[in-house]
Amino acid sequence: MATAPTLLAEDRTTATDITGSELFREGFTVLRAGRSPERFPPAELASFQALWDDLVLDENLADGSTYRYRRYGRVRAEAGVDGTRFTPLAHARFQQSAEHIPIHMGRSRHFEPVARADLSHPVLLNLLAEGLRLIGAGDGRRRWEIGLHLVRTVAGETPGLPTPEGRHRDGHDYIGMHLLGRRNCTGGESIVYRDGLPDTRLTLTDPLDGMVVIDSAIMHEVTPITALTGDGAGTGVRDMLLCDYNAIGAESRESRP
């Protein structure tokens, strides 16, 4: 069997005012694409966005629902003095504990894989490296396994539910949430819940808008999307890249299912 390639993410920082300090002060930080609008060549970003046109129906939804399409992949990351190196990992089932996501009762779920070549897409690797730079501002661990969820939520005659789990934690160390596109829809508002503080509500609107959160510090959910009405409005679509960052090996704080 051929050895999996190890790739070094190019350093494309977003903006000097985006640091990890807010992440560790507030439990989350918001990344707005407008702060660094030209960090990816348009053709490179378009080729990454096109991956969402090849997702398959998530058959784990209840009652035969058809509002979510997705693929799943994994990479290993190791931060070094010369940048962050990424290695694609073999495909695996995905599992979350029933404590965090009761709706699936702790069972492992099968999702169709992200193509191995796509796990090395430059936009993907640099979004992951950006997340690890933010995390590295307050967390010195350097070896990570990252789960990657390419998710499309659609709305037609009925709304699409980005988080059928409702208000929840996911059971990971950190989570990155990146919008790749949305069209013909309203809703999709992100809500952050923190003990003793007012709720934070915001909407990711532009491609590459995103958030990074400390999963143990907050709970979160996203409101349903509803298709716009009117001539030519069509199906509502919201495309997201969700990244589960978990420290591995001796650096891991806890075991996971």
Protein backbone atom coordinates (compact mmCIF):
# COMPACT_ATOMS: atom_id res chain seq x y z
CA MET A 1 0.00 0.00 0.00
CA ALA A 2 1.34 3.43 -0.92
CA THR A 3 2.28 5.76 1.90
CA ALA A 4 -0.21 8.58 2.42
CA PRO A 5 1.21 11.92 1.30
CA THR A 6 2.21 14.47 3.88
CA LEU A 7 1.49 18.03 2.82
CA LEU A 8 2.63 21.36 4.15
CA ALA A 9 -0.04 24.04 4.24
CA GLU A 10 1.02 27.33 2.75
CA ASP A 11 0.87 30.20 5.24
CA ARG A 12 -2.02 32.39 4.08
CA THR A 13 -2.97 34.35 7.17
CA THR A 14 -6.31 36.10 7.09
CA ALA A 15 -5.61 39.42 8.81
CA THR A 16 -3.37 40.68 11.57
CA ASP A 17 -6.33 41.54 13.80
CA ILE A 18 -7.60 37.94 13.79
CA THR A 19 -5.87 36.19 16.68
CA GLY A 20 -6.71 33.40 19.06
CA SER A 21 -7.03 35.74 22.02
CA GLU A 22 -10.77 36.22 21.50
CA LEU A 23 -11.25 32.46 21.15
CA PHE A 24 -9.84 31.81 24.61
CA ARG A 25 -11.41 34.88 26.19
CA GLU A 26 -14.93 34.35 24.84
CA GLY A 27 -15.02 30.65 23.98
CA PHE A 28 -15.50 31.38 20.27
CA THR A 29 -14.31 33.73 17.56
CA VAL A 30 -15.93 34.82 14.31
CA LEU A 31 -13.99 34.96 11.04
CA ARG A 32 -15.37 37.29 8.40
CA ALA A 33 -14.28 36.78 4.80
CA GLY A 34 -14.32 40.52 4.18
CA ARG A 35 -11.25 40.99 6.38
CA SER A 36 -9.09 39.22 3.78
CA PRO A 37 -11.09 38.97 0.54
CA GLU A 38 -8.26 37.88 -1.77
CA ARG A 39 -6.47 35.15 0.17
CA PHE A 40 -7.54 32.44 -2.33
CA PRO A 41 -7.44 32.76 -6.13
CA PRO A 42 -11.04 32.71 -7.44
CA ALA A 43 -10.51 29.55 -9.51
CA GLU A 44 -9.01 27.72 -6.52
CA LEU A 45 -11.92 28.66 -4.27
CA ALA A 46 -14.46 27.76 -6.98
CA SER A 47 -12.93 24.30 -7.39
CA PHE A 48 -13.28 23.73 -3.65
CA GLN A 49 -16.88 24.98 -3.57
CA ALA A 50 -17.68 22.58 -6.42
CA LEU A 51 -17.09 19.63 -4.07
CA TRP A 52 -20.45 20.42 -2.46
CA ASP A 53 -22.19 19.58 -5.75
CA ASP A 54 -21.03 15.98 -5.34
CA LEU A 55 -22.38 15.25 -1.87
CA VAL A 56 -24.75 12.36 -1.22
CA LEU A 57 -27.90 12.08 0.84
CA ASP A 58 -27.35 11.63 4.57
CA GLU A 59 -29.29 8.44 5.22
CA ASN A 60 -28.99 8.84 9.00
CA LEU A 61 -31.75 11.44 9.12
CA ALA A 62 -34.98 10.43 10.79
CA ASP A 63 -38.24 9.70 8.98
CA GLY A 64 -36.69 9.56 5.53
CA SER A 65 -35.87 13.28 5.49
CA THR A 66 -33.89 14.54 2.51
CA TYR A 67 -32.74 18.00 3.57
CA ARG A 68 -29.08 17.14 4.25
CA TYR A 69 -26.29 15.92 1.96
CA ARG A 70 -22.76 15.24 3.14
CA ARG A 71 -19.39 13.51 2.95
CA TYR A 72 -16.87 12.81 5.71
CA GLY A 73 -13.08 12.59 5.81
CA ARG A 74 -10.17 12.76 8.25
CA VAL A 75 -6.67 14.19 8.26
CA ARG A 76 -3.85 14.22 10.77
CA ALA A 77 -2.11 17.52 11.47
CA GLU A 78 1.22 18.22 13.11
CA ALA A 79 2.34 21.77 13.77
CA GLY A 80 6.04 22.47 13.30
CA VAL A 81 8.37 25.42 13.08
CA ASP A 82 8.04 25.44 9.28
CA GLY A 83 4.24 25.25 9.19
CA THR A 84 1.53 22.64 9.66
CA ARG A 85 1.86 19.27 7.97
CA PHE A 86 -1.27 17.33 7.02
CA THR A 87 -1.64 13.62 6.23
CA PRO A 88 -4.90 12.16 4.85
CA LEU A 89 -6.26 9.29 6.95
CA ALA A 90 -8.22 6.20 5.97
CA HIS A 91 -11.97 6.55 5.90
CA ALA A 92 -13.84 5.58 9.09
CA ARG A 93 -17.28 5.69 10.60
CA PHE A 94 -18.19 8.73 12.67
CA GLN A 95 -19.33 8.50 16.29
CA GLN A 96 -20.42 10.92 19.00
CA SER A 97 -21.42 10.08 22.54
CA ALA A 98 -25.09 9.99 23.47
CA GLU A 99 -24.24 12.47 26.24
CA HIS A 100 -23.53 15.15 23.65
CA ILE A 101 -25.85 14.11 20.79
CA PRO A 102 -28.74 12.07 22.22
CA ILE A 103 -30.59 11.98 18.89
CA HIS A 104 -28.19 9.32 17.53
CA MET A 105 -27.88 7.40 20.84
CA GLY A 106 -24.11 7.02 20.57
CA ARG A 107 -24.19 4.78 17.50
CA SER A 108 -21.55 5.10 14.83
CA ARG A 109 -22.70 6.51 11.52
CA HIS A 110 -21.49 5.85 8.01
CA PHE A 111 -21.05 8.77 5.62
CA GLU A 112 -19.69 8.50 2.11
CA PRO A 113 -16.03 9.53 2.03
CA VAL A 114 -14.43 12.70 0.79
CA ALA A 115 -12.23 11.68 -2.15
CA ARG A 116 -8.65 11.18 -1.01
CA ALA A 117 -7.33 13.75 -3.46
CA ASP A 118 -9.78 16.32 -2.12
CA LEU A 119 -8.34 15.92 1.40
CA SER A 120 -5.29 17.72 0.01
CA HIS A 121 -7.13 20.63 -1.59
CA PRO A 122 -5.15 23.84 -0.88
CA VAL A 123 -8.22 25.75 0.30
CA LEU A 124 -9.06 22.99 2.79
CA LEU A 125 -5.52 22.74 4.15
CA ASN A 126 -5.20 26.46 4.61
CA LEU A 127 -8.56 26.76 6.37
CA LEU A 128 -7.40 24.03 8.74
CA ALA A 129 -4.05 25.72 9.27
CA GLU A 130 -5.88 28.97 10.04
CA GLY A 131 -7.93 27.17 12.68
CA LEU A 132 -4.84 25.65 14.24
CA ARG A 133 -3.13 29.04 14.38
CA LEU A 134 -6.07 30.40 16.36
CA ILE A 135 -6.11 27.34 18.62
CA GLY A 136 -2.34 27.58 19.10
CA ALA A 137 -2.71 30.99 20.73
CA GLY A 138 -3.93 29.29 23.89
CA ASP A 139 -3.34 25.56 23.43
CA GLY A 140 0.21 24.29 22.98
CA ARG A 141 -0.66 20.80 21.78
CA ARG A 142 0.74 20.16 18.31
CA ARG A 143 -0.69 16.83 17.05
CA TRP A 144 -4.31 16.68 15.97
CA GLU A 145 -6.82 14.47 14.23
CA ILE A 146 -9.35 16.54 12.32
CA GLY A 147 -12.71 15.21 11.18
CA LEU A 148 -14.08 16.95 8.09
CA HIS A 149 -17.78 17.19 7.32
CA LEU A 150 -18.83 18.62 3.96
CA VAL A 151 -22.52 19.37 4.51
CA ARG A 152 -25.22 20.81 2.28
CA THR A 153 -28.57 21.72 3.83
CA VAL A 154 -31.45 22.28 1.40
CA ALA A 155 -34.91 23.80 1.77
CA GLY A 156 -37.80 23.48 -0.62
CA GLU A 157 -41.43 23.21 0.39
CA THR A 158 -40.20 22.39 3.90
CA PRO A 159 -37.32 23.99 5.84
CA GLY A 160 -33.85 22.47 6.05
CA LEU A 161 -32.40 21.85 9.53
CA PRO A 162 -28.67 22.55 9.83
CA THR A 163 -28.72 21.20 13.40
CA PRO A 164 -31.53 18.71 14.00
CA GLU A 165 -29.75 18.09 17.32
CA GLY A 166 -30.89 21.52 18.57
CA ARG A 167 -28.76 23.23 21.21
CA HIS A 168 -25.74 21.00 21.73
CA ARG A 169 -22.05 20.34 22.18
CA ASP A 170 -20.29 17.98 19.80
CA GLY A 171 -17.76 16.34 22.12
CA HIS A 172 -14.58 17.59 20.44
CA ASP A 173 -11.77 19.84 21.63
CA TYR A 174 -12.50 22.59 19.08
CA ILE A 175 -14.80 23.02 16.11
CA GLY A 176 -14.35 25.10 12.99
CA MET A 177 -17.45 26.09 11.00
CA HIS A 178 -16.89 27.58 7.55
CA LEU A 179 -19.55 28.76 5.10
CA LEU A 180 -18.76 27.87 1.49
CA GLY A 181 -21.95 29.22 0.00
CA ARG A 182 -25.62 29.97 0.49
CA ARG A 183 -28.33 30.89 -2.00
CA ASN A 184 -32.08 31.34 -2.24
CA CYS A 185 -32.67 31.06 1.49
CA THR A 186 -33.29 32.89 4.71
CA GLY A 187 -32.42 31.69 8.22
CA GLY A 188 -29.33 29.72 9.08
CA GLU A 189 -28.65 31.95 12.08
CA SER A 190 -25.92 30.69 14.42
CA ILE A 191 -26.62 30.95 18.15
CA VAL A 192 -23.92 30.68 20.81
CA TYR A 193 -24.95 29.94 24.39
CA ARG A 194 -22.67 30.66 27.37
CA ASP A 195 -23.55 30.25 31.02
CA GLY A 196 -24.45 33.54 32.66
CA LEU A 197 -24.08 35.60 29.48
CA PRO A 198 -26.54 36.81 26.83
CA ASP A 199 -26.89 34.59 23.78
CA THR A 200 -24.85 35.62 20.74
CA ARG A 201 -26.70 35.46 17.41
CA LEU A 202 -25.05 35.94 14.04
CA THR A 203 -25.41 34.79 10.45
CA LEU A 204 -22.62 33.56 8.20
CA THR A 205 -23.46 35.19 4.88
CA ASP A 206 -20.41 35.28 2.61
CA PRO A 207 -18.23 32.40 1.38
CA LEU A 208 -15.44 31.79 3.93
CA ASP A 209 -17.29 33.46 6.79
CA GLY A 210 -16.74 31.16 9.74
CA MET A 211 -16.38 30.50 13.45
CA VAL A 212 -13.99 28.56 15.66
CA VAL A 213 -15.31 27.46 19.05
CA ILE A 214 -14.07 25.76 22.19
CA ASP A 215 -16.62 22.96 22.39
CA SER A 216 -16.49 22.61 26.18
CA ALA A 217 -16.99 26.36 26.70
CA ILE A 218 -20.19 26.91 24.74
CA MET A 219 -23.31 25.28 23.38
CA HIS A 220 -24.51 26.17 19.93
CA GLU A 221 -27.12 25.58 17.26
CA VAL A 222 -28.16 26.90 13.86
CA THR A 223 -31.73 27.86 12.96
CA PRO A 224 -33.49 26.21 9.99
CA ILE A 225 -33.16 27.64 6.51
CA THR A 226 -36.25 28.46 4.49
CA ALA A 227 -36.36 28.76 0.72
CA LEU A 228 -37.09 32.17 -0.73
CA THR A 229 -40.32 32.51 -2.65
CA GLY A 230 -40.97 34.23 -5.93
CA ASP A 231 -40.17 33.68 -9.59
CA GLY A 232 -36.93 31.81 -10.10
CA ALA A 233 -36.09 31.55 -6.41
CA GLY A 234 -35.52 27.78 -6.51
CA THR A 235 -34.24 25.52 -3.76
CA GLY A 236 -32.60 27.08 -0.73
CA VAL A 237 -29.03 25.88 -0.16
CA ARG A 238 -26.49 26.34 2.65
CA ASP A 239 -23.04 24.72 2.24
CA MET A 240 -20.79 24.25 5.27
CA LEU A 241 -17.40 22.76 6.07
CA LEU A 242 -17.35 21.55 9.69
CA CYS A 243 -13.99 20.65 11.23
CA ASP A 244 -13.59 18.61 14.45
CA TYR A 245 -10.18 19.27 16.04
CA ASN A 246 -9.08 16.63 18.56
CA ALA A 247 -5.62 16.35 20.11
CA ILE A 248 -4.15 12.86 19.70
CA GLY A 249 -1.71 10.58 21.45
CA ALA A 250 -0.21 11.56 24.77
CA GLU A 251 -1.50 15.10 24.24
CA SER A 252 -5.15 14.10 24.21
CA ARG A 253 -7.13 15.14 27.28
CA GLU A 254 -9.79 12.49 27.05
CA SER A 255 -10.80 9.37 25.18
CA ARG A 256 -13.60 9.51 22.67
CA PRO A 257 -15.85 6.84 21.19
